Amino acid sequence: AESHRPYELPPLSKGLLLGDADEPDWVREE
């Protein structure tokens, strides 16, 4: 349903939200 390719959820409340990353951990490369 989403427009983004598959990604992992943990960084959403950790590194991404902290500002340590600008992308999530993608399940596989593009």
Full PDB file with SEQRES, HELIX, SHEET, SSBOND, CRYST1, ORIGX, SCALE, CONECT and MASTER records, all heavy atoms in Angstrom:
SEQRES   1 A   30  ALA GLU SER HIS ARG PRO TYR GLU LEU PRO PRO LEU SER          
SEQRES   2 A   30  LYS GLY LEU LEU LEU GLY ASP ALA ASP GLU PRO ASP TRP          
SEQRES   3 A   30  VAL ARG GLU GLU                                              
HELIX    1 AA1 PRO A   10  SER A   13  5                                   4    
HELIX    2 AA2 GLY A   15  LEU A   18  1                                   4    
CRYST1    1.000    1.000    1.000  90.00  90.00  90.00 P 1           1          
ORIGX1      1.000000  0.000000  0.000000        0.00000                         
ORIGX2      0.000000  1.000000  0.000000        0.00000                         
ORIGX3      0.000000  0.000000  1.000000        0.00000                         
SCALE1      1.000000  0.000000  0.000000        0.00000                         
SCALE2      0.000000  1.000000  0.000000        0.00000                         
SCALE3      0.000000  0.000000  1.000000        0.00000                         
ATOM      1  N   ALA A   1       0.815  -1.212   0.000  1.00  0.00           N  
ATOM      2  CA  ALA A   1       0.000   0.000   0.000  1.00  0.00           C  
ATOM      3  C   ALA A   1       0.852   1.266   0.000  1.00  0.00           C  
ATOM      4  O   ALA A   1       0.443   2.302  -0.529  1.00  0.00           O  
ATOM      5  CB  ALA A   1      -0.935  -0.007   1.209  1.00  0.00           C  
ATOM      6  N   GLU A   2       2.061   1.217   0.593  1.00  0.00           N  
ATOM      7  CA  GLU A   2       2.904   2.410   0.650  1.00  0.00           C  
ATOM      8  C   GLU A   2       3.605   2.648  -0.682  1.00  0.00           C  
ATOM      9  O   GLU A   2       3.747   1.742  -1.507  1.00  0.00           O  
ATOM     10  CB  GLU A   2       3.947   2.258   1.761  1.00  0.00           C  
ATOM     11  CG  GLU A   2       3.376   2.394   3.163  1.00  0.00           C  
ATOM     12  CD  GLU A   2       4.476   2.617   4.180  1.00  0.00           C  
ATOM     13  OE1 GLU A   2       5.197   3.630   4.067  1.00  0.00           O  
ATOM     14  OE2 GLU A   2       4.607   1.779   5.084  1.00  0.00           O  
ATOM     15  N   SER A   3       4.097   3.873  -0.846  1.00  0.00           N  
ATOM     16  CA  SER A   3       4.826   4.223  -2.060  1.00  0.00           C  
ATOM     17  C   SER A   3       6.321   3.938  -1.928  1.00  0.00           C  
ATOM     18  O   SER A   3       7.033   3.913  -2.936  1.00  0.00           O  
ATOM     19  CB  SER A   3       4.618   5.702  -2.396  1.00  0.00           C  
ATOM     20  OG  SER A   3       5.077   6.525  -1.332  1.00  0.00           O  
ATOM     21  N   HIS A   4       6.803   3.747  -0.700  1.00  0.00           N  
ATOM     22  CA  HIS A   4       8.221   3.469  -0.475  1.00  0.00           C  
ATOM     23  C   HIS A   4       8.498   1.981  -0.646  1.00  0.00           C  
ATOM     24  O   HIS A   4       7.677   1.141  -0.287  1.00  0.00           O  
ATOM     25  CB  HIS A   4       8.629   3.893   0.932  1.00  0.00           C  
ATOM     26  CG  HIS A   4       8.355   5.325   1.244  1.00  0.00           C  
ATOM     27  ND1 HIS A   4       9.069   6.367   0.681  1.00  0.00           N  
ATOM     28  CD2 HIS A   4       7.433   5.903   2.059  1.00  0.00           C  
ATOM     29  CE1 HIS A   4       8.604   7.518   1.136  1.00  0.00           C  
ATOM     30  NE2 HIS A   4       7.613   7.265   1.975  1.00  0.00           N  
ATOM     31  N   ARG A   5       9.701   1.676  -1.130  1.00  0.00           N  
ATOM     32  CA  ARG A   5      10.077   0.266  -1.186  1.00  0.00           C  
ATOM     33  C   ARG A   5      10.240  -0.262   0.242  1.00  0.00           C  
ATOM     34  O   ARG A   5      10.356   0.518   1.195  1.00  0.00           O  
ATOM     35  CB  ARG A   5      11.349   0.085  -2.001  1.00  0.00           C  
ATOM     36  CG  ARG A   5      12.654   0.455  -1.337  1.00  0.00           C  
ATOM     37  CD  ARG A   5      13.809   0.171  -2.291  1.00  0.00           C  
ATOM     38  NE  ARG A   5      15.112   0.275  -1.665  1.00  0.00           N  
ATOM     39  CZ  ARG A   5      15.840   1.369  -1.612  1.00  0.00           C  
ATOM     40  NH1 ARG A   5      15.356   2.495  -2.136  1.00  0.00           N  
ATOM     41  NH2 ARG A   5      17.036   1.378  -1.035  1.00  0.00           N  
ATOM     42  N   PRO A   6      10.241  -1.576   0.434  1.00  0.00           N  
ATOM     43  CA  PRO A   6      10.221  -2.144   1.792  1.00  0.00           C  
ATOM     44  C   PRO A   6      11.353  -1.636   2.683  1.00  0.00           C  
ATOM     45  O   PRO A   6      12.508  -1.575   2.261  1.00  0.00           O  
ATOM     46  CB  PRO A   6      10.333  -3.643   1.530  1.00  0.00           C  
ATOM     47  CG  PRO A   6       9.700  -3.835   0.181  1.00  0.00           C  
ATOM     48  CD  PRO A   6      10.108  -2.615  -0.596  1.00  0.00           C  
ATOM     49  N   TYR A   7      10.980  -1.281   3.911  1.00  0.00           N  
ATOM     50  CA  TYR A   7      11.955  -0.796   4.886  1.00  0.00           C  
ATOM     51  C   TYR A   7      11.643  -1.388   6.254  1.00  0.00           C  
ATOM     52  O   TYR A   7      10.569  -1.922   6.498  1.00  0.00           O  
ATOM     53  CB  TYR A   7      11.947   0.734   4.954  1.00  0.00           C  
ATOM     54  CG  TYR A   7      10.604   1.354   5.288  1.00  0.00           C  
ATOM     55  CD1 TYR A   7      10.203   1.563   6.610  1.00  0.00           C  
ATOM     56  CD2 TYR A   7       9.725   1.751   4.278  1.00  0.00           C  
ATOM     57  CE1 TYR A   7       8.982   2.138   6.910  1.00  0.00           C  
ATOM     58  CE2 TYR A   7       8.508   2.327   4.567  1.00  0.00           C  
ATOM     59  CZ  TYR A   7       8.133   2.511   5.891  1.00  0.00           C  
ATOM     60  OH  TYR A   7       6.909   3.081   6.188  1.00  0.00           O  
ATOM     61  N   GLU A   8      12.619  -1.274   7.155  1.00  0.00           N  
ATOM     62  CA  GLU A   8      12.464  -1.797   8.511  1.00  0.00           C  
ATOM     63  C   GLU A   8      11.976  -0.686   9.435  1.00  0.00           C  
ATOM     64  O   GLU A   8      12.310   0.485   9.266  1.00  0.00           O  
ATOM     65  CB  GLU A   8      13.789  -2.376   9.007  1.00  0.00           C  
ATOM     66  CG  GLU A   8      14.309  -3.514   8.126  1.00  0.00           C  
ATOM     67  CD  GLU A   8      15.558  -4.173   8.676  1.00  0.00           C  
ATOM     68  OE1 GLU A   8      15.942  -3.863   9.825  1.00  0.00           O  
ATOM     69  OE2 GLU A   8      16.145  -5.008   7.960  1.00  0.00           O  
ATOM     70  N   LEU A   9      11.198  -1.085  10.448  1.00  0.00           N  
ATOM     71  CA  LEU A   9      10.549  -0.097  11.312  1.00  0.00           C  
ATOM     72  C   LEU A   9      11.403   0.435  12.463  1.00  0.00           C  
ATOM     73  O   LEU A   9      11.222   1.591  12.861  1.00  0.00           O  
ATOM     74  CB  LEU A   9       9.252  -0.686  11.888  1.00  0.00           C  
ATOM     75  CG  LEU A   9       8.155  -1.035  10.882  1.00  0.00           C  
ATOM     76  CD1 LEU A   9       6.904  -1.513  11.616  1.00  0.00           C  
ATOM     77  CD2 LEU A   9       7.827   0.138   9.975  1.00  0.00           C  
ATOM     78  N   PRO A  10      12.327  -0.338  13.068  1.00  0.00           N  
ATOM     79  CA  PRO A  10      13.021   0.190  14.255  1.00  0.00           C  
ATOM     80  C   PRO A  10      13.646   1.571  14.101  1.00  0.00           C  
ATOM     81  O   PRO A  10      13.544   2.392  15.029  1.00  0.00           O  
ATOM     82  CB  PRO A  10      14.074  -0.896  14.542  1.00  0.00           C  
ATOM     83  CG  PRO A  10      13.416  -2.154  14.097  1.00  0.00           C  
ATOM     84  CD  PRO A  10      12.670  -1.764  12.843  1.00  0.00           C  
ATOM     85  N   PRO A  11      14.292   1.917  12.978  1.00  0.00           N  
ATOM     86  CA  PRO A  11      14.893   3.261  12.901  1.00  0.00           C  
ATOM     87  C   PRO A  11      13.886   4.406  12.966  1.00  0.00           C  
ATOM     88  O   PRO A  11      14.274   5.547  13.239  1.00  0.00           O  
ATOM     89  CB  PRO A  11      15.597   3.244  11.537  1.00  0.00           C  
ATOM     90  CG  PRO A  11      15.858   1.806  11.246  1.00  0.00           C  
ATOM     91  CD  PRO A  11      14.667   1.084  11.814  1.00  0.00           C  
ATOM     92  N   LEU A  12      12.610   4.114  12.736  1.00  0.00           N  
ATOM     93  CA  LEU A  12      11.622   5.185  12.726  1.00  0.00           C  
ATOM     94  C   LEU A  12      11.504   5.851  14.091  1.00  0.00           C  
ATOM     95  O   LEU A  12      11.215   7.043  14.182  1.00  0.00           O  
ATOM     96  CB  LEU A  12      10.252   4.666  12.293  1.00  0.00           C  
ATOM     97  CG  LEU A  12      10.166   3.925  10.956  1.00  0.00           C  
ATOM     98  CD1 LEU A  12       8.715   3.709  10.577  1.00  0.00           C  
ATOM     99  CD2 LEU A  12      10.919   4.663   9.854  1.00  0.00           C  
ATOM    100  N   SER A  13      11.690   5.080  15.164  1.00  0.00           N  
ATOM    101  CA  SER A  13      11.619   5.656  16.510  1.00  0.00           C  
ATOM    102  C   SER A  13      12.998   5.785  17.142  1.00  0.00           C  
ATOM    103  O   SER A  13      13.104   6.179  18.306  1.00  0.00           O  
ATOM    104  CB  SER A  13      10.721   4.793  17.409  1.00  0.00           C  
ATOM    105  OG  SER A  13      11.213   3.461  17.494  1.00  0.00           O  
ATOM    106  N   LYS A  14      14.035   5.474  16.359  1.00  0.00           N  
ATOM    107  CA  LYS A  14      15.409   5.539  16.879  1.00  0.00           C  
ATOM    108  C   LYS A  14      16.230   6.503  16.020  1.00  0.00           C  
ATOM    109  O   LYS A  14      16.062   7.712  16.109  1.00  0.00           O  
ATOM    110  CB  LYS A  14      16.005   4.129  16.931  1.00  0.00           C  
ATOM    111  CG  LYS A  14      15.220   3.158  17.825  1.00  0.00           C  
ATOM    112  CD  LYS A  14      15.848   1.780  17.816  1.00  0.00           C  
ATOM    113  CE  LYS A  14      15.147   0.816  18.758  1.00  0.00           C  
ATOM    114  NZ  LYS A  14      13.794   0.446  18.299  1.00  0.00           N  
ATOM    115  N   GLY A  15      17.122   5.963  15.180  1.00  0.00           N  
ATOM    116  CA  GLY A  15      18.066   6.815  14.460  1.00  0.00           C  
ATOM    117  C   GLY A  15      17.434   7.860  13.580  1.00  0.00           C  
ATOM    118  O   GLY A  15      17.887   9.019  13.527  1.00  0.00           O  
ATOM    119  N   LEU A  16      16.373   7.490  12.862  1.00  0.00           N  
ATOM    120  CA  LEU A  16      15.735   8.445  11.961  1.00  0.00           C  
ATOM    121  C   LEU A  16      15.096   9.586  12.747  1.00  0.00           C  
ATOM    122  O   LEU A  16      15.237  10.764  12.397  1.00  0.00           O  
ATOM    123  CB  LEU A  16      14.686   7.728  11.113  1.00  0.00           C  
ATOM    124  CG  LEU A  16      14.231   8.452   9.853  1.00  0.00           C  
ATOM    125  CD1 LEU A  16      15.327   8.429   8.794  1.00  0.00           C  
ATOM    126  CD2 LEU A  16      12.976   7.805   9.287  1.00  0.00           C  
ATOM    127  N   LEU A  17      14.394   9.262  13.814  1.00  0.00           N  
ATOM    128  CA  LEU A  17      13.713  10.285  14.614  1.00  0.00           C  
ATOM    129  C   LEU A  17      14.715  11.145  15.376  1.00  0.00           C  
ATOM    130  O   LEU A  17      14.494  12.338  15.573  1.00  0.00           O  
ATOM    131  CB  LEU A  17      12.731   9.615  15.577  1.00  0.00           C  
ATOM    132  CG  LEU A  17      11.688  10.519  16.234  1.00  0.00           C  
ATOM    133  CD1 LEU A  17      10.813  11.197  15.188  1.00  0.00           C  
ATOM    134  CD2 LEU A  17      10.814   9.715  17.197  1.00  0.00           C  
ATOM    135  N   LEU A  18      15.822  10.535  15.791  1.00  0.00           N  
ATOM    136  CA  LEU A  18      16.855  11.286  16.485  1.00  0.00           C  
ATOM    137  C   LEU A  18      17.556  12.281  15.564  1.00  0.00           C  
ATOM    138  O   LEU A  18      18.130  13.274  16.023  1.00  0.00           O  
ATOM    139  CB  LEU A  18      17.896  10.321  17.060  1.00  0.00           C  
ATOM    140  CG  LEU A  18      17.478   9.514  18.289  1.00  0.00           C  
ATOM    141  CD1 LEU A  18      18.427   8.344  18.497  1.00  0.00           C  
ATOM    142  CD2 LEU A  18      17.453  10.401  19.529  1.00  0.00           C  
ATOM    143  N   GLY A  19      17.527  12.011  14.264  1.00  0.00           N  
ATOM    144  CA  GLY A  19      18.259  12.846  13.321  1.00  0.00           C  
ATOM    145  C   GLY A  19      19.610  12.280  12.962  1.00  0.00           C  
ATOM    146  O   GLY A  19      20.396  12.933  12.259  1.00  0.00           O  
ATOM    147  N   ASP A  20      19.913  11.065  13.408  1.00  0.00           N  
ATOM    148  CA  ASP A  20      21.192  10.426  13.093  1.00  0.00           C  
ATOM    149  C   ASP A  20      21.196   9.827  11.684  1.00  0.00           C  
ATOM    150  O   ASP A  20      22.245   9.428  11.182  1.00  0.00           O  
ATOM    151  CB  ASP A  20      21.506   9.322  14.104  1.00  0.00           C  
ATOM    152  CG  ASP A  20      21.723   9.868  15.502  1.00  0.00           C  
ATOM    153  OD1 ASP A  20      22.053  11.066  15.618  1.00  0.00           O  
ATOM    154  OD2 ASP A  20      21.561   9.102  16.479  1.00  0.00           O  
ATOM    155  N   ALA A  21      20.034   9.695  11.073  1.00  0.00           N  
ATOM    156  CA  ALA A  21      19.917   9.148   9.721  1.00  0.00           C  
ATOM    157  C   ALA A  21      18.788   9.862   9.007  1.00  0.00           C  
ATOM    158  O   ALA A  21      17.868  10.394   9.645  1.00  0.00           O  
ATOM    159  CB  ALA A  21      19.645   7.637   9.774  1.00  0.00           C  
ATOM    160  N   ASP A  22      18.854   9.884   7.697  1.00  0.00           N  
ATOM    161  CA  ASP A  22      17.798  10.500   6.895  1.00  0.00           C  
ATOM    162  C   ASP A  22      17.014   9.480   6.095  1.00  0.00           C  
ATOM    163  O   ASP A  22      16.046   9.823   5.422  1.00  0.00           O  
ATOM    164  CB  ASP A  22      18.389  11.551   5.944  1.00  0.00           C  
ATOM    165  CG  ASP A  22      18.903  12.771   6.688  1.00  0.00           C  
ATOM    166  OD1 ASP A  22      18.238  13.196   7.659  1.00  0.00           O  
ATOM    167  OD2 ASP A  22      19.972  13.286   6.311  1.00  0.00           O  
ATOM    168  N   GLU A  23      17.433   8.226   6.153  1.00  0.00           N  
ATOM    169  CA  GLU A  23      16.720   7.139   5.495  1.00  0.00           C  
ATOM    170  C   GLU A  23      16.572   5.994   6.481  1.00  0.00           C  
ATOM    171  O   GLU A  23      17.390   5.841   7.398  1.00  0.00           O  
ATOM    172  CB  GLU A  23      17.472   6.648   4.255  1.00  0.00           C  
ATOM    173  CG  GLU A  23      17.531   7.637   3.114  1.00  0.00           C  
ATOM    174  CD  GLU A  23      18.111   7.022   1.855  1.00  0.00           C  
ATOM    175  OE1 GLU A  23      18.525   5.839   1.908  1.00  0.00           O  
ATOM    176  OE2 GLU A  23      18.150   7.706   0.835  1.00  0.00           O  
ATOM    177  N   PRO A  24      15.565   5.158   6.295  1.00  0.00           N  
ATOM    178  CA  PRO A  24      15.433   3.980   7.146  1.00  0.00           C  
ATOM    179  C   PRO A  24      16.422   2.909   6.704  1.00  0.00           C  
ATOM    180  O   PRO A  24      17.204   3.105   5.758  1.00  0.00           O  
ATOM    181  CB  PRO A  24      13.989   3.530   6.877  1.00  0.00           C  
ATOM    182  CG  PRO A  24      13.769   3.908   5.449  1.00  0.00           C  
ATOM    183  CD  PRO A  24      14.513   5.213   5.267  1.00  0.00           C  
ATOM    184  N   ASP A  25      16.399   1.781   7.364  1.00  0.00           N  
ATOM    185  CA  ASP A  25      17.129   0.610   6.882  1.00  0.00           C  
ATOM    186  C   ASP A  25      16.244  -0.085   5.856  1.00  0.00           C  
ATOM    187  O   ASP A  25      15.194  -0.636   6.201  1.00  0.00           O  
ATOM    188  CB  ASP A  25      17.438  -0.348   8.040  1.00  0.00           C  
ATOM    189  CG  ASP A  25      18.413   0.244   9.031  1.00  0.00           C  
ATOM    190  OD1 ASP A  25      19.159   1.179   8.646  1.00  0.00           O  
ATOM    191  OD2 ASP A  25      18.442  -0.204  10.189  1.00  0.00           O  
ATOM    192  N   TRP A  26      16.650  -0.007   4.583  1.00  0.00           N  
ATOM    193  CA  TRP A  26      15.887  -0.659   3.532  1.00  0.00           C  
ATOM    194  C   TRP A  26      16.073  -2.167   3.629  1.00  0.00           C  
ATOM    195  O   TRP A  26      17.168  -2.641   3.934  1.00  0.00           O  
ATOM    196  CB  TRP A  26      16.321  -0.160   2.160  1.00  0.00           C  
ATOM    197  CG  TRP A  26      16.246   1.321   2.003  1.00  0.00           C  
ATOM    198  CD1 TRP A  26      17.283   2.203   1.994  1.00  0.00           C  
ATOM    199  CD2 TRP A  26      15.048   2.111   1.847  1.00  0.00           C  
ATOM    200  NE1 TRP A  26      16.823   3.487   1.835  1.00  0.00           N  
ATOM    201  CE2 TRP A  26      15.459   3.462   1.737  1.00  0.00           C  
ATOM    202  CE3 TRP A  26      13.689   1.801   1.782  1.00  0.00           C  
ATOM    203  CZ2 TRP A  26      14.549   4.502   1.579  1.00  0.00           C  
ATOM    204  CZ3 TRP A  26      12.788   2.840   1.614  1.00  0.00           C  
ATOM    205  CH2 TRP A  26      13.208   4.162   1.508  1.00  0.00           C  
ATOM    206  N   VAL A  27      15.017  -2.921   3.387  1.00  0.00           N  
ATOM    207  CA  VAL A  27      15.125  -4.377   3.464  1.00  0.00           C  
ATOM    208  C   VAL A  27      16.122  -4.886   2.426  1.00  0.00           C  
ATOM    209  O   VAL A  27      16.947  -5.761   2.715  1.00  0.00           O  
ATOM    210  CB  VAL A  27      13.747  -5.040   3.259  1.00  0.00           C  
ATOM    211  CG1 VAL A  27      13.871  -6.561   3.287  1.00  0.00           C  
ATOM    212  CG2 VAL A  27      12.771  -4.577   4.343  1.00  0.00           C  
ATOM    213  N   ARG A  28      16.058  -4.345   1.224  1.00  0.00           N  
ATOM    214  CA  ARG A  28      17.012  -4.684   0.168  1.00  0.00           C  
ATOM    215  C   ARG A  28      17.332  -3.412  -0.611  1.00  0.00           C  
ATOM    216  O   ARG A  28      16.579  -2.437  -0.581  1.00  0.00           O  
ATOM    217  CB  ARG A  28      16.441  -5.736  -0.793  1.00  0.00           C  
ATOM    218  CG  ARG A  28      16.109  -7.066  -0.129  1.00  0.00           C  
ATOM    219  CD  ARG A  28      17.349  -7.886   0.134  1.00  0.00           C  
ATOM    220  NE  ARG A  28      17.047  -9.113   0.862  1.00  0.00           N  
ATOM    221  CZ  ARG A  28      17.783 -10.221   0.798  1.00  0.00           C  
ATOM    222  NH1 ARG A  28      18.862 -10.248   0.036  1.00  0.00           N  
ATOM    223  NH2 ARG A  28      17.466 -11.277   1.521  1.00  0.00           N  
ATOM    224  N   GLU A  29      18.449  -3.439  -1.330  1.00  0.00           N  
ATOM    225  CA  GLU A  29      18.829  -2.285  -2.122  1.00  0.00           C  
ATOM    226  C   GLU A  29      17.785  -2.048  -3.216  1.00  0.00           C  
ATOM    227  O   GLU A  29      17.004  -2.927  -3.576  1.00  0.00           O  
ATOM    228  CB  GLU A  29      20.217  -2.464  -2.727  1.00  0.00           C  
ATOM    229  CG  GLU A  29      20.368  -3.632  -3.670  1.00  0.00           C  
ATOM    230  CD  GLU A  29      20.726  -4.935  -2.968  1.00  0.00           C  
ATOM    231  OE1 GLU A  29      20.610  -5.012  -1.718  1.00  0.00           O  
ATOM    232  OE2 GLU A  29      21.102  -5.888  -3.690  1.00  0.00           O  
ATOM    233  N   GLU A  30      17.813  -0.845  -3.776  1.00  0.00           N  
ATOM    234  CA  GLU A  30      16.729  -0.403  -4.641  1.00  0.00           C  
ATOM    235  C   GLU A  30      16.495  -1.317  -5.843  1.00  0.00           C  
ATOM    236  O   GLU A  30      15.363  -1.582  -6.226  1.00  0.00           O  
ATOM    237  CB  GLU A  30      17.000   1.031  -5.114  1.00  0.00           C  
ATOM    238  CG  GLU A  30      15.831   1.661  -5.837  1.00  0.00           C  
ATOM    239  CD  GLU A  30      16.011   3.146  -6.036  1.00  0.00           C  
ATOM    240  OE1 GLU A  30      17.089   3.673  -5.690  1.00  0.00           O  
ATOM    241  OE2 GLU A  30      15.067   3.791  -6.535  1.00  0.00           O  
TER     242      GLU A  30                                                      
MASTER        0    0    0    2    0    0    0    6  241    1    0    3          
END                                                                             
